[in-house]
Amino acid sequence: MNDKKQPVPARANPAPIKPQSNAGEIDAFIRQARTLAASATGSGRLILALDATMSRQPTWDLACTLQGQMFDAVGKAGTLSVQLVYFRGLGECRSSAFVSDTNALKQLMTRIECRSGHTQIGKVLAHALKQTAAAKVNALVYIGDAMEENIDDLAEKAGSLGLHGVPVFVFQEGHDSSAEKAFKEVARLSKGAWFRFDRQAAATLAGLLSAVAVFATGGLKALEARGRPEDRLMIEHLRGGGK
């Protein structure tokens, strides 16, 4: 690809948002999450990455709710350990430890304050590569609405994730055409899937995220065995039949 684009200015803050946290509070909670995860083990490891720049604030609560349902979907099929990664502001990109406690991640997400800034998707993909080199990561879920980076750089990292068996499941909020092009390429090269993140279709999103969770713990065989509509849709996308 030769679609090299220069970063665009950070998106403007459309309305004042009441602060929910400060850096000290977030640091303290991440330390707490790492303590909770000290003995966490499981049959699947998944990274949940979120764009926490200002335009995402309206759907942040929805994302908090949906991530909890990912755990519920696993049930007796296995244990899912999830790591939260988010970026915001001027170069800030942070991660928790891998935890299997739904409430721990939900509490962390509700303490995060969205801030204006550029996207840092490249850092997220590089982080996933580093994590799976240390211990196998079964899937990466990314939720975002924009792309302000070099698409070739993202493509290279996505391809590496595909070679390492870490599919990226991209959930795009909104209809930004440049972001959609990049997100679909990231999903394709990593052997993952792309979906629209629509607050009006929360039930559908919850089902798809639960399918990702089942895939992360048992692969395609687990999806086929459960056989729900969202599982069949996920299988179709993973096999290249999705749009």
C-alpha atoms as a PDB file:
ATOM      1  CA  MET A   1       0.000   0.000   0.000  1.00  0.00           C
ATOM      2  CA  ASN A   2       1.136   3.554  -0.610  1.00  0.00           C
ATOM      3  CA  ASP A   3      -1.654   5.424   1.100  1.00  0.00           C
ATOM      4  CA  LYS A   4       0.592   7.551   3.269  1.00  0.00           C
ATOM      5  CA  LYS A   5      -1.270  10.274   5.064  1.00  0.00           C
ATOM      6  CA  GLN A   6      -0.113  12.920   7.448  1.00  0.00           C
ATOM      7  CA  PRO A   7      -1.771  13.012  10.873  1.00  0.00           C
ATOM      8  CA  VAL A   8      -4.689  15.406  11.042  1.00  0.00           C
ATOM      9  CA  PRO A   9      -5.280  17.827  13.907  1.00  0.00           C
ATOM     10  CA  ALA A  10      -6.786  16.349  17.055  1.00  0.00           C
ATOM     11  CA  ARG A  11     -10.545  16.298  17.137  1.00  0.00           C
ATOM     12  CA  ALA A  12     -12.061  19.244  18.903  1.00  0.00           C
ATOM     13  CA  ASN A  13     -13.919  18.826  22.174  1.00  0.00           C
ATOM     14  CA  PRO A  14     -17.594  19.282  21.207  1.00  0.00           C
ATOM     15  CA  ALA A  15     -18.787  19.967  24.716  1.00  0.00           C
ATOM     16  CA  PRO A  16     -17.288  20.269  28.182  1.00  0.00           C
ATOM     17  CA  ILE A  17     -17.101  16.946  29.998  1.00  0.00           C
ATOM     18  CA  LYS A  18     -17.029  16.736  33.744  1.00  0.00           C
ATOM     19  CA  PRO A  19     -13.753  15.061  34.785  1.00  0.00           C
ATOM     20  CA  GLN A  20     -14.160  11.571  36.220  1.00  0.00           C
ATOM     21  CA  SER A  21     -10.626  10.875  37.301  1.00  0.00           C
ATOM     22  CA  ASN A  22      -7.058  12.056  37.465  1.00  0.00           C
ATOM     23  CA  ALA A  23      -3.796  10.344  36.590  1.00  0.00           C
ATOM     24  CA  GLY A  24      -3.083   9.399  40.213  1.00  0.00           C
ATOM     25  CA  GLU A  25      -6.415   7.609  40.614  1.00  0.00           C
ATOM     26  CA  ILE A  26      -5.951   5.666  37.391  1.00  0.00           C
ATOM     27  CA  ASP A  27      -2.389   4.678  38.330  1.00  0.00           C
ATOM     28  CA  ALA A  28      -3.594   3.464  41.721  1.00  0.00           C
ATOM     29  CA  PHE A  29      -6.336   1.381  40.203  1.00  0.00           C
ATOM     30  CA  ILE A  30      -4.045  -0.188  37.601  1.00  0.00           C
ATOM     31  CA  ARG A  31      -1.745  -1.225  40.449  1.00  0.00           C
ATOM     32  CA  GLN A  32      -4.757  -2.754  42.193  1.00  0.00           C
ATOM     33  CA  ALA A  33      -5.759  -4.601  39.013  1.00  0.00           C
ATOM     34  CA  ARG A  34      -2.259  -6.024  38.703  1.00  0.00           C
ATOM     35  CA  THR A  35      -2.508  -7.333  42.257  1.00  0.00           C
ATOM     36  CA  LEU A  36      -5.858  -8.964  41.477  1.00  0.00           C
ATOM     37  CA  ALA A  37      -4.339 -10.576  38.399  1.00  0.00           C
ATOM     38  CA  ALA A  38      -1.248 -11.944  40.090  1.00  0.00           C
ATOM     39  CA  SER A  39      -2.622 -15.472  40.069  1.00  0.00           C
ATOM     40  CA  ALA A  40      -4.998 -15.156  37.119  1.00  0.00           C
ATOM     41  CA  THR A  41      -4.800 -18.044  34.683  1.00  0.00           C
ATOM     42  CA  GLY A  42      -7.165 -19.217  31.970  1.00  0.00           C
ATOM     43  CA  SER A  43      -7.675 -21.014  28.717  1.00  0.00           C
ATOM     44  CA  GLY A  44      -7.923 -17.749  26.788  1.00  0.00           C
ATOM     45  CA  ARG A  45      -6.251 -14.338  26.818  1.00  0.00           C
ATOM     46  CA  LEU A  46      -7.874 -11.362  25.141  1.00  0.00           C
ATOM     47  CA  ILE A  47      -6.847  -7.708  24.848  1.00  0.00           C
ATOM     48  CA  LEU A  48      -9.692  -5.170  24.879  1.00  0.00           C
ATOM     49  CA  ALA A  49      -8.368  -1.907  23.395  1.00  0.00           C
ATOM     50  CA  LEU A  50     -10.328   1.337  23.443  1.00  0.00           C
ATOM     51  CA  ASP A  51      -9.982   4.749  21.877  1.00  0.00           C
ATOM     52  CA  ALA A  52     -10.512   7.053  24.870  1.00  0.00           C
ATOM     53  CA  THR A  53     -10.230  10.315  22.969  1.00  0.00           C
ATOM     54  CA  MET A  54     -13.002  12.834  23.473  1.00  0.00           C
ATOM     55  CA  SER A  55     -15.322  11.812  20.635  1.00  0.00           C
ATOM     56  CA  ARG A  56     -15.783   8.397  22.288  1.00  0.00           C
ATOM     57  CA  GLN A  57     -17.299   9.788  25.510  1.00  0.00           C
ATOM     58  CA  PRO A  58     -20.961   9.330  24.431  1.00  0.00           C
ATOM     59  CA  THR A  59     -20.574   5.563  23.954  1.00  0.00           C
ATOM     60  CA  TRP A  60     -18.129   4.864  26.778  1.00  0.00           C
ATOM     61  CA  ASP A  61     -20.861   3.586  29.118  1.00  0.00           C
ATOM     62  CA  LEU A  62     -22.084   1.219  26.406  1.00  0.00           C
ATOM     63  CA  ALA A  63     -18.580  -0.200  26.009  1.00  0.00           C
ATOM     64  CA  CYS A  64     -18.372  -0.677  29.792  1.00  0.00           C
ATOM     65  CA  THR A  65     -21.580  -2.703  29.759  1.00  0.00           C
ATOM     66  CA  LEU A  66     -20.711  -4.828  26.744  1.00  0.00           C
ATOM     67  CA  GLN A  67     -17.276  -5.869  27.967  1.00  0.00           C
ATOM     68  CA  GLY A  68     -18.848  -7.427  31.050  1.00  0.00           C
ATOM     69  CA  GLN A  69     -21.009  -9.621  28.853  1.00  0.00           C
ATOM     70  CA  MET A  70     -17.913 -11.020  27.161  1.00  0.00           C
ATOM     71  CA  PHE A  71     -17.075 -12.877  30.361  1.00  0.00           C
ATOM     72  CA  ASP A  72     -20.587 -14.243  30.791  1.00  0.00           C
ATOM     73  CA  ALA A  73     -20.453 -15.801  27.328  1.00  0.00           C
ATOM     74  CA  VAL A  74     -17.523 -18.035  28.178  1.00  0.00           C
ATOM     75  CA  GLY A  75     -19.380 -19.947  30.892  1.00  0.00           C
ATOM     76  CA  LYS A  76     -18.162 -23.487  31.358  1.00  0.00           C
ATOM     77  CA  ALA A  77     -16.185 -23.451  28.129  1.00  0.00           C
ATOM     78  CA  GLY A  78     -13.189 -21.998  29.897  1.00  0.00           C
ATOM     79  CA  THR A  79     -11.761 -19.005  31.692  1.00  0.00           C
ATOM     80  CA  LEU A  80     -11.077 -15.767  29.855  1.00  0.00           C
ATOM     81  CA  SER A  81      -8.417 -13.340  31.060  1.00  0.00           C
ATOM     82  CA  VAL A  82      -8.756  -9.835  29.645  1.00  0.00           C
ATOM     83  CA  GLN A  83      -6.342  -6.924  29.533  1.00  0.00           C
ATOM     84  CA  LEU A  84      -7.670  -3.404  29.076  1.00  0.00           C
ATOM     85  CA  VAL A  85      -5.640  -1.043  26.875  1.00  0.00           C
ATOM     86  CA  TYR A  86      -6.667   2.538  26.177  1.00  0.00           C
ATOM     87  CA  PHE A  87      -5.190   5.706  24.719  1.00  0.00           C
ATOM     88  CA  ARG A  88      -6.100   9.369  25.023  1.00  0.00           C
ATOM     89  CA  GLY A  89      -4.625  12.862  25.290  1.00  0.00           C
ATOM     90  CA  LEU A  90      -1.070  13.707  24.278  1.00  0.00           C
ATOM     91  CA  GLY A  91       0.597  10.346  23.747  1.00  0.00           C
ATOM     92  CA  GLU A  92      -0.954   8.590  26.725  1.00  0.00           C
ATOM     93  CA  CYS A  93      -1.420   4.847  26.156  1.00  0.00           C
ATOM     94  CA  ARG A  94      -1.906   2.551  29.158  1.00  0.00           C
ATOM     95  CA  SER A  95      -2.728  -1.037  29.957  1.00  0.00           C
ATOM     96  CA  SER A  96      -3.908  -3.063  32.918  1.00  0.00           C
ATOM     97  CA  ALA A  97      -2.743  -6.563  33.731  1.00  0.00           C
ATOM     98  CA  PHE A  98      -4.698  -9.563  32.478  1.00  0.00           C
ATOM     99  CA  VAL A  99      -7.609 -10.124  34.834  1.00  0.00           C
ATOM    100  CA  SER A 100     -10.513 -12.558  34.936  1.00  0.00           C
ATOM    101  CA  ASP A 101     -12.634 -10.350  37.190  1.00  0.00           C
ATOM    102  CA  THR A 102     -15.369  -8.549  35.254  1.00  0.00           C
ATOM    103  CA  ASN A 103     -15.924  -5.985  37.988  1.00  0.00           C
ATOM    104  CA  ALA A 104     -12.238  -5.053  38.112  1.00  0.00           C
ATOM    105  CA  LEU A 105     -12.213  -4.046  34.450  1.00  0.00           C
ATOM    106  CA  LYS A 106     -15.583  -2.323  34.628  1.00  0.00           C
ATOM    107  CA  GLN A 107     -14.450  -0.239  37.591  1.00  0.00           C
ATOM    108  CA  LEU A 108     -11.282   0.727  35.749  1.00  0.00           C
ATOM    109  CA  MET A 109     -13.225   1.786  32.657  1.00  0.00           C
ATOM    110  CA  THR A 110     -15.665   3.923  34.625  1.00  0.00           C
ATOM    111  CA  ARG A 111     -12.740   5.776  36.218  1.00  0.00           C
ATOM    112  CA  ILE A 112     -11.247   6.753  32.877  1.00  0.00           C
ATOM    113  CA  GLU A 113     -11.870  10.280  31.616  1.00  0.00           C
ATOM    114  CA  CYS A 114     -11.900  10.689  27.836  1.00  0.00           C
ATOM    115  CA  ARG A 115      -9.522  13.397  26.580  1.00  0.00           C
ATOM    116  CA  SER A 116      -8.891  15.002  23.193  1.00  0.00           C
ATOM    117  CA  GLY A 117      -5.911  13.702  21.246  1.00  0.00           C
ATOM    118  CA  HIS A 118      -4.661  11.763  18.244  1.00  0.00           C
ATOM    119  CA  THR A 119      -5.311   8.058  17.750  1.00  0.00           C
ATOM    120  CA  GLN A 120      -2.544   5.654  18.829  1.00  0.00           C
ATOM    121  CA  ILE A 121      -3.633   2.443  17.154  1.00  0.00           C
ATOM    122  CA  GLY A 122      -0.063   1.616  16.157  1.00  0.00           C
ATOM    123  CA  LYS A 123       0.920   1.512  19.832  1.00  0.00           C
ATOM    124  CA  VAL A 124      -1.986  -0.835  20.562  1.00  0.00           C
ATOM    125  CA  LEU A 125      -0.947  -3.258  17.821  1.00  0.00           C
ATOM    126  CA  ALA A 126       2.712  -3.132  18.878  1.00  0.00           C
ATOM    127  CA  HIS A 127       1.658  -3.776  22.475  1.00  0.00           C
ATOM    128  CA  ALA A 128      -0.347  -6.830  21.404  1.00  0.00           C
ATOM    129  CA  LEU A 129       2.695  -8.206  19.580  1.00  0.00           C
ATOM    130  CA  LYS A 130       4.840  -7.749  22.667  1.00  0.00           C
ATOM    131  CA  GLN A 131       2.254  -9.413  24.901  1.00  0.00           C
ATOM    132  CA  THR A 132       1.780 -12.473  22.703  1.00  0.00           C
ATOM    133  CA  ALA A 133       5.568 -12.898  22.467  1.00  0.00           C
ATOM    134  CA  ALA A 134       5.572 -13.262  26.255  1.00  0.00           C
ATOM    135  CA  ALA A 135       2.452 -15.455  26.513  1.00  0.00           C
ATOM    136  CA  LYS A 136      -0.046 -16.359  23.808  1.00  0.00           C
ATOM    137  CA  VAL A 137      -2.811 -13.801  23.186  1.00  0.00           C
ATOM    138  CA  ASN A 138      -5.826 -15.353  21.482  1.00  0.00           C
ATOM    139  CA  ALA A 139      -7.525 -12.205  20.186  1.00  0.00           C
ATOM    140  CA  LEU A 140      -7.468  -8.414  20.192  1.00  0.00           C
ATOM    141  CA  VAL A 141     -10.703  -6.390  20.261  1.00  0.00           C
ATOM    142  CA  TYR A 142     -10.419  -2.743  19.238  1.00  0.00           C
ATOM    143  CA  ILE A 143     -13.243  -0.191  19.552  1.00  0.00           C
ATOM    144  CA  GLY A 144     -12.749   3.223  17.952  1.00  0.00           C
ATOM    145  CA  ASP A 145     -14.139   5.796  15.546  1.00  0.00           C
ATOM    146  CA  ALA A 146     -11.150   7.368  13.774  1.00  0.00           C
ATOM    147  CA  MET A 147      -7.698   6.717  12.334  1.00  0.00           C
ATOM    148  CA  GLU A 148      -5.081   9.490  12.239  1.00  0.00           C
ATOM    149  CA  GLU A 149      -1.949   7.438  11.556  1.00  0.00           C
ATOM    150  CA  ASN A 150       0.052   6.005   8.663  1.00  0.00           C
ATOM    151  CA  ILE A 151      -1.987   3.108   7.275  1.00  0.00           C
ATOM    152  CA  ASP A 152       1.129   1.290   6.032  1.00  0.00           C
ATOM    153  CA  ASP A 153       2.523   1.206   9.567  1.00  0.00           C
ATOM    154  CA  LEU A 154      -0.731  -0.245  10.898  1.00  0.00           C
ATOM    155  CA  ALA A 155      -0.839  -2.788   8.072  1.00  0.00           C
ATOM    156  CA  GLU A 156       2.662  -4.038   8.859  1.00  0.00           C
ATOM    157  CA  LYS A 157       1.803  -4.584  12.524  1.00  0.00           C
ATOM    158  CA  ALA A 158      -1.557  -6.161  11.685  1.00  0.00           C
ATOM    159  CA  GLY A 159       0.165  -8.590   9.327  1.00  0.00           C
ATOM    160  CA  SER A 160       2.588  -9.559  12.079  1.00  0.00           C
ATOM    161  CA  LEU A 161      -0.307 -10.198  14.443  1.00  0.00           C
ATOM    162  CA  GLY A 162      -1.876 -12.435  11.811  1.00  0.00           C
ATOM    163  CA  LEU A 163       1.340 -14.430  11.501  1.00  0.00           C
ATOM    164  CA  HIS A 164       1.395 -14.844  15.280  1.00  0.00           C
ATOM    165  CA  GLY A 165      -2.222 -16.039  15.362  1.00  0.00           C
ATOM    166  CA  VAL A 166      -3.682 -12.927  17.019  1.00  0.00           C
ATOM    167  CA  PRO A 167      -6.756 -11.865  15.025  1.00  0.00           C
ATOM    168  CA  VAL A 168      -7.939  -8.275  15.487  1.00  0.00           C
ATOM    169  CA  PHE A 169     -11.696  -7.796  15.842  1.00  0.00           C
ATOM    170  CA  VAL A 170     -12.389  -4.159  15.013  1.00  0.00           C
ATOM    171  CA  PHE A 171     -15.649  -2.510  16.078  1.00  0.00           C
ATOM    172  CA  GLN A 172     -15.985   0.853  14.349  1.00  0.00           C
ATOM    173  CA  GLU A 173     -18.196   3.590  15.740  1.00  0.00           C
ATOM    174  CA  GLY A 174     -19.486   6.031  13.135  1.00  0.00           C
ATOM    175  CA  HIS A 175     -18.966   6.075   9.380  1.00  0.00           C
ATOM    176  CA  ASP A 176     -15.583   7.743   8.810  1.00  0.00           C
ATOM    177  CA  SER A 177     -14.520   6.346   5.412  1.00  0.00           C
ATOM    178  CA  SER A 178     -10.764   6.655   5.999  1.00  0.00           C
ATOM    179  CA  ALA A 179     -11.046   4.892   9.330  1.00  0.00           C
ATOM    180  CA  GLU A 180     -13.219   2.176   7.790  1.00  0.00           C
ATOM    181  CA  LYS A 181     -10.653   1.497   5.067  1.00  0.00           C
ATOM    182  CA  ALA A 182      -7.846   1.205   7.606  1.00  0.00           C
ATOM    183  CA  PHE A 183      -9.861  -0.840  10.095  1.00  0.00           C
ATOM    184  CA  LYS A 184     -10.955  -3.343   7.464  1.00  0.00           C
ATOM    185  CA  GLU A 185      -7.343  -3.729   6.330  1.00  0.00           C
ATOM    186  CA  VAL A 186      -6.170  -4.309   9.907  1.00  0.00           C
ATOM    187  CA  ALA A 187      -8.870  -6.954  10.356  1.00  0.00           C
ATOM    188  CA  ARG A 188      -8.050  -8.634   7.036  1.00  0.00           C
ATOM    189  CA  LEU A 189      -4.297  -8.766   7.509  1.00  0.00           C
ATOM    190  CA  SER A 190      -4.578 -10.063  11.075  1.00  0.00           C
ATOM    191  CA  LYS A 191      -7.171 -12.667   9.969  1.00  0.00           C
ATOM    192  CA  GLY A 192      -9.788 -11.063  12.195  1.00  0.00           C
ATOM    193  CA  ALA A 193     -13.065  -9.300  11.393  1.00  0.00           C
ATOM    194  CA  TRP A 194     -14.578  -5.803  11.133  1.00  0.00           C
ATOM    195  CA  PHE A 195     -17.994  -4.750  12.479  1.00  0.00           C
ATOM    196  CA  ARG A 196     -19.939  -1.535  12.958  1.00  0.00           C
ATOM    197  CA  PHE A 197     -20.180  -0.322  16.574  1.00  0.00           C
ATOM    198  CA  ASP A 198     -23.706   1.104  16.758  1.00  0.00           C
ATOM    199  CA  ARG A 199     -25.331   2.084  20.028  1.00  0.00           C
ATOM    200  CA  GLN A 200     -28.714   1.330  18.433  1.00  0.00           C
ATOM    201  CA  ALA A 201     -27.678  -2.298  17.991  1.00  0.00           C
ATOM    202  CA  ALA A 202     -26.387  -3.024  21.478  1.00  0.00           C
ATOM    203  CA  ALA A 203     -27.882  -6.513  21.547  1.00  0.00           C
ATOM    204  CA  THR A 204     -26.125  -7.425  18.297  1.00  0.00           C
ATOM    205  CA  LEU A 205     -22.845  -6.018  19.583  1.00  0.00           C
ATOM    206  CA  ALA A 206     -23.149  -7.935  22.836  1.00  0.00           C
ATOM    207  CA  GLY A 207     -23.671 -11.128  20.855  1.00  0.00           C
ATOM    208  CA  LEU A 208     -20.668 -10.484  18.625  1.00  0.00           C
ATOM    209  CA  LEU A 209     -18.426  -9.667  21.585  1.00  0.00           C
ATOM    210  CA  SER A 210     -19.576 -12.840  23.297  1.00  0.00           C
ATOM    211  CA  ALA A 211     -18.622 -14.719  20.120  1.00  0.00           C
ATOM    212  CA  VAL A 212     -15.137 -13.174  20.299  1.00  0.00           C
ATOM    213  CA  ALA A 213     -14.873 -14.330  23.908  1.00  0.00           C
ATOM    214  CA  VAL A 214     -15.870 -17.884  22.968  1.00  0.00           C
ATOM    215  CA  PHE A 215     -13.375 -17.826  20.071  1.00  0.00           C
ATOM    216  CA  ALA A 216     -10.606 -16.649  22.407  1.00  0.00           C
ATOM    217  CA  THR A 217     -11.178 -19.605  24.728  1.00  0.00           C
ATOM    218  CA  GLY A 218     -11.896 -22.369  22.236  1.00  0.00           C
ATOM    219  CA  GLY A 219     -11.327 -21.202  18.664  1.00  0.00           C
ATOM    220  CA  LEU A 220     -13.578 -21.953  15.692  1.00  0.00           C
ATOM    221  CA  LYS A 221     -14.573 -25.332  17.144  1.00  0.00           C
ATOM    222  CA  ALA A 222     -16.073 -23.621  20.198  1.00  0.00           C
ATOM    223  CA  LEU A 223     -18.037 -21.216  17.998  1.00  0.00           C
ATOM    224  CA  GLU A 224     -19.333 -24.073  15.875  1.00  0.00           C
ATOM    225  CA  ALA A 225     -20.312 -26.059  18.949  1.00  0.00           C
ATOM    226  CA  ARG A 226     -22.281 -23.182  20.502  1.00  0.00           C
ATOM    227  CA  GLY A 227     -23.900 -22.397  17.160  1.00  0.00           C
ATOM    228  CA  ARG A 228     -25.723 -19.163  17.989  1.00  0.00           C
ATOM    229  CA  PRO A 229     -26.543 -16.708  15.168  1.00  0.00           C
ATOM    230  CA  GLU A 230     -23.729 -14.394  16.260  1.00  0.00           C
ATOM    231  CA  ASP A 231     -21.341 -17.360  16.285  1.00  0.00           C
ATOM    232  CA  ARG A 232     -22.270 -18.264  12.712  1.00  0.00           C
ATOM    233  CA  LEU A 233     -21.834 -14.625  11.675  1.00  0.00           C
ATOM    234  CA  MET A 234     -18.410 -14.515  13.314  1.00  0.00           C
ATOM    235  CA  ILE A 235     -17.384 -17.751  11.604  1.00  0.00           C
ATOM    236  CA  GLU A 236     -18.483 -16.309   8.256  1.00  0.00           C
ATOM    237  CA  HIS A 237     -16.347 -13.197   8.787  1.00  0.00           C
ATOM    238  CA  LEU A 238     -13.346 -15.209   9.969  1.00  0.00           C
ATOM    239  CA  ARG A 239     -13.534 -17.354   6.868  1.00  0.00           C
ATOM    240  CA  GLY A 240     -13.651 -14.335   4.606  1.00  0.00           C
ATOM    241  CA  GLY A 241     -17.354 -14.290   3.840  1.00  0.00           C
ATOM    242  CA  GLY A 242     -18.205 -11.122   5.772  1.00  0.00           C
ATOM    243  CA  LYS A 243     -18.485  -7.759   4.069  1.00  0.00           C
END
